[in-house]
Amino acid sequence: MDLTKIVSISGKSGLFKVVSQGKSAMIVESLTDQKRFPAFGHEKMSSLEEISVFTTAEDRPLKEILKSIHEKLEGKAAPDSKSDNKILLKFFEEVVPDFDHERVYVSDIRKMISWYNMLLAFDLLDFTEPAEEKPADAEPGAPEAVSPVSETSGSTEATEGPTMS
């Protein structure tokens, strides 16, 4: 799941997909109504990939939290984000038992649950890790052969390292 192209914009509800980037603004598209508009540099935008949750140990990336919710609910929708605070806290404690109660507010939990439900509804939750591509003829553990190209001549001949005199 690539959350780098999904952003949250401060002051605007919902999540947005980055469509393009210009000189002074990014073009984003709302996930809910597919309307596109410019998001300027002065607007506080956060990629979901960059967001993490405070825990009693180390901070956990949002991706891990979403995966925990997905596994607990077996791919079903989470409780409504407008549910009672006690219900949301109890649910979040089951999913992330070590979250920091002093620094993670109910409003944060509401937002994460809302995001989860939105990503689930638009089928953007994919927790399969992409397999790294390896050449078929390469042996495991063997370094890859690299053939540097001279930029000035355009030659494809391999160059040797500097010689010592």
Protein backbone atom coordinates (compact mmCIF):
# COMPACT_ATOMS: atom_id res chain seq x y z
CA MET A 1 0.00 0.00 0.00
CA ASP A 2 1.48 3.31 -1.08
CA LEU A 3 0.30 6.08 1.21
CA THR A 4 2.74 8.66 -0.15
CA LYS A 5 0.20 9.92 -2.71
CA ILE A 6 -2.67 10.16 -0.19
CA VAL A 7 -2.67 13.39 1.83
CA SER A 8 -4.65 15.07 4.54
CA ILE A 9 -5.04 18.84 4.27
CA SER A 10 -5.49 20.86 7.41
CA GLY A 11 -8.85 22.65 7.44
CA LYS A 12 -10.42 20.33 4.86
CA SER A 13 -12.30 17.17 5.70
CA GLY A 14 -11.47 13.90 4.03
CA LEU A 15 -8.47 12.53 2.21
CA PHE A 16 -7.01 13.60 -1.10
CA LYS A 17 -4.98 11.88 -3.80
CA VAL A 18 -2.07 13.84 -5.29
CA VAL A 19 -2.66 14.02 -9.03
CA SER A 20 0.07 16.39 -10.18
CA GLN A 21 2.55 18.92 -8.89
CA GLY A 22 3.15 22.39 -10.27
CA LYS A 23 5.49 25.23 -9.35
CA SER A 24 3.39 26.74 -6.59
CA ALA A 25 0.72 24.14 -5.91
CA MET A 26 -0.14 20.47 -5.97
CA ILE A 27 -3.25 19.32 -7.79
CA VAL A 28 -5.22 17.04 -5.49
CA GLU A 29 -8.40 15.06 -5.98
CA SER A 30 -10.88 14.41 -3.20
CA LEU A 31 -11.44 10.70 -2.59
CA THR A 32 -15.09 11.26 -1.76
CA ASP A 33 -16.35 13.39 -4.67
CA GLN A 34 -13.39 13.21 -7.14
CA LYS A 35 -13.23 17.02 -7.43
CA ARG A 36 -9.79 18.38 -8.26
CA PHE A 37 -8.35 21.60 -6.94
CA PRO A 38 -4.96 23.19 -6.24
CA ALA A 39 -3.44 22.83 -2.78
CA PHE A 40 -0.92 25.60 -2.23
CA GLY A 41 2.30 25.53 -0.22
CA HIS A 42 0.85 27.56 2.64
CA GLU A 43 -1.75 24.85 3.33
CA LYS A 44 -0.56 22.24 5.81
CA MET A 45 -0.55 18.91 3.98
CA SER A 46 0.53 15.62 5.50
CA SER A 47 1.14 12.45 3.54
CA LEU A 48 -0.33 9.46 5.34
CA GLU A 49 3.05 7.78 4.94
CA GLU A 50 4.62 10.43 7.22
CA ILE A 51 2.06 10.21 10.03
CA SER A 52 2.82 8.14 13.11
CA VAL A 53 1.05 7.43 16.39
CA PHE A 54 2.53 8.00 19.83
CA THR A 55 2.97 4.81 21.85
CA THR A 56 4.59 4.12 25.20
CA ALA A 57 7.63 2.68 23.38
CA GLU A 58 8.46 3.94 19.88
CA ASP A 59 6.09 5.82 17.60
CA ARG A 60 4.27 3.52 15.17
CA PRO A 61 3.64 4.50 11.55
CA LEU A 62 0.02 5.00 10.55
CA LYS A 63 0.44 2.19 8.00
CA GLU A 64 1.02 -0.29 10.85
CA ILE A 65 -2.02 1.00 12.74
CA LEU A 66 -4.22 0.65 9.64
CA LYS A 67 -2.88 -2.86 9.12
CA SER A 68 -3.68 -3.77 12.75
CA ILE A 69 -7.23 -2.48 12.34
CA HIS A 70 -7.59 -4.39 9.05
CA GLU A 71 -6.37 -7.64 10.63
CA LYS A 72 -8.55 -7.27 13.73
CA LEU A 73 -11.67 -6.55 11.70
CA GLU A 74 -10.77 -9.12 8.99
CA GLY A 75 -11.16 -6.50 6.26
CA LYS A 76 -14.50 -5.14 7.46
CA ALA A 77 -15.38 -1.52 8.28
CA ALA A 78 -14.40 -0.06 11.64
CA PRO A 79 -16.97 1.44 14.03
CA ASP A 80 -18.41 4.76 12.90
CA SER A 81 -16.01 7.59 13.69
CA LYS A 82 -18.94 9.52 15.17
CA SER A 83 -19.55 6.84 17.80
CA ASP A 84 -19.30 7.53 21.51
CA ASN A 85 -15.81 8.35 22.86
CA LYS A 86 -15.80 5.29 25.14
CA ILE A 87 -16.55 2.94 22.24
CA LEU A 88 -13.78 4.45 20.12
CA LEU A 89 -11.25 4.35 22.98
CA LYS A 90 -12.09 0.73 23.76
CA PHE A 91 -11.76 -0.24 20.09
CA PHE A 92 -8.45 1.59 19.69
CA GLU A 93 -7.05 0.04 22.89
CA GLU A 94 -7.80 -3.41 21.44
CA VAL A 95 -6.02 -2.55 18.19
CA VAL A 96 -3.09 -0.57 19.62
CA PRO A 97 -2.83 -1.53 23.31
CA ASP A 98 0.37 0.47 23.87
CA PHE A 99 -0.79 3.85 22.50
CA ASP A 100 0.05 6.87 24.67
CA HIS A 101 -3.20 7.90 26.38
CA GLU A 102 -1.85 11.35 27.22
CA ARG A 103 -0.72 12.34 23.72
CA VAL A 104 -3.27 10.54 21.50
CA TYR A 105 -6.62 12.30 21.76
CA VAL A 106 -10.06 10.96 20.92
CA SER A 107 -10.14 13.39 17.97
CA ASP A 108 -7.00 11.68 16.61
CA ILE A 109 -8.62 8.27 17.01
CA ARG A 110 -11.76 9.52 15.22
CA LYS A 111 -9.61 10.78 12.36
CA MET A 112 -7.68 7.50 12.01
CA ILE A 113 -10.87 5.42 12.07
CA SER A 114 -12.46 7.74 9.53
CA TRP A 115 -9.38 7.44 7.30
CA TYR A 116 -9.41 3.65 7.62
CA ASN A 117 -13.07 3.45 6.61
CA MET A 118 -12.49 5.83 3.70
CA LEU A 119 -9.46 3.92 2.41
CA LEU A 120 -11.38 0.66 2.78
CA ALA A 121 -14.39 2.03 0.91
CA PHE A 122 -12.22 3.13 -2.03
CA ASP A 123 -10.23 -0.13 -1.99
CA LEU A 124 -6.92 1.59 -1.25
CA LEU A 125 -5.87 -0.75 1.56
CA ASP A 126 -3.40 -3.28 0.20
CA PHE A 127 -1.01 -4.69 2.77
CA THR A 128 0.89 -7.05 0.47
CA GLU A 129 4.53 -6.08 0.31
CA PRO A 130 5.90 -5.65 -3.21
CA ALA A 131 8.52 -8.26 -4.06
CA GLU A 132 11.94 -6.90 -4.89
CA GLU A 133 12.92 -7.64 -8.45
CA LYS A 134 16.14 -9.59 -8.88
CA PRO A 135 17.78 -10.61 -12.13
CA ALA A 136 17.02 -14.23 -12.96
CA ASP A 137 20.67 -15.10 -13.66
CA ALA A 138 22.07 -13.49 -10.51
CA GLU A 139 23.27 -15.72 -7.72
CA PRO A 140 21.97 -14.99 -4.22
CA GLY A 141 24.39 -12.79 -2.32
CA ALA A 142 26.45 -11.96 -5.41
CA PRO A 143 27.04 -8.25 -6.08
CA GLU A 144 25.42 -6.81 -9.16
CA ALA A 145 27.71 -5.97 -12.08
CA VAL A 146 27.53 -2.30 -13.00
CA SER A 147 28.89 -0.89 -16.23
CA PRO A 148 29.45 2.86 -15.87
CA VAL A 149 28.78 5.01 -18.90
CA SER A 150 30.90 8.00 -19.80
CA GLU A 151 28.57 11.00 -19.89
CA THR A 152 30.75 13.13 -22.17
CA SER A 153 31.36 10.68 -24.98
CA GLY A 154 28.18 8.63 -24.78
CA SER A 155 30.31 5.49 -24.92
CA THR A 156 29.02 2.33 -23.29
CA GLU A 157 32.44 0.92 -22.54
CA ALA A 158 33.21 0.05 -18.94
CA THR A 159 35.70 2.36 -17.29
CA GLU A 160 38.38 1.33 -14.90
CA GLY A 161 39.12 3.02 -11.59
CA PRO A 162 41.90 5.59 -11.14
CA THR A 163 45.46 4.38 -11.54
CA MET A 164 48.13 5.17 -9.00
CA SER A 165 51.48 6.51 -10.20
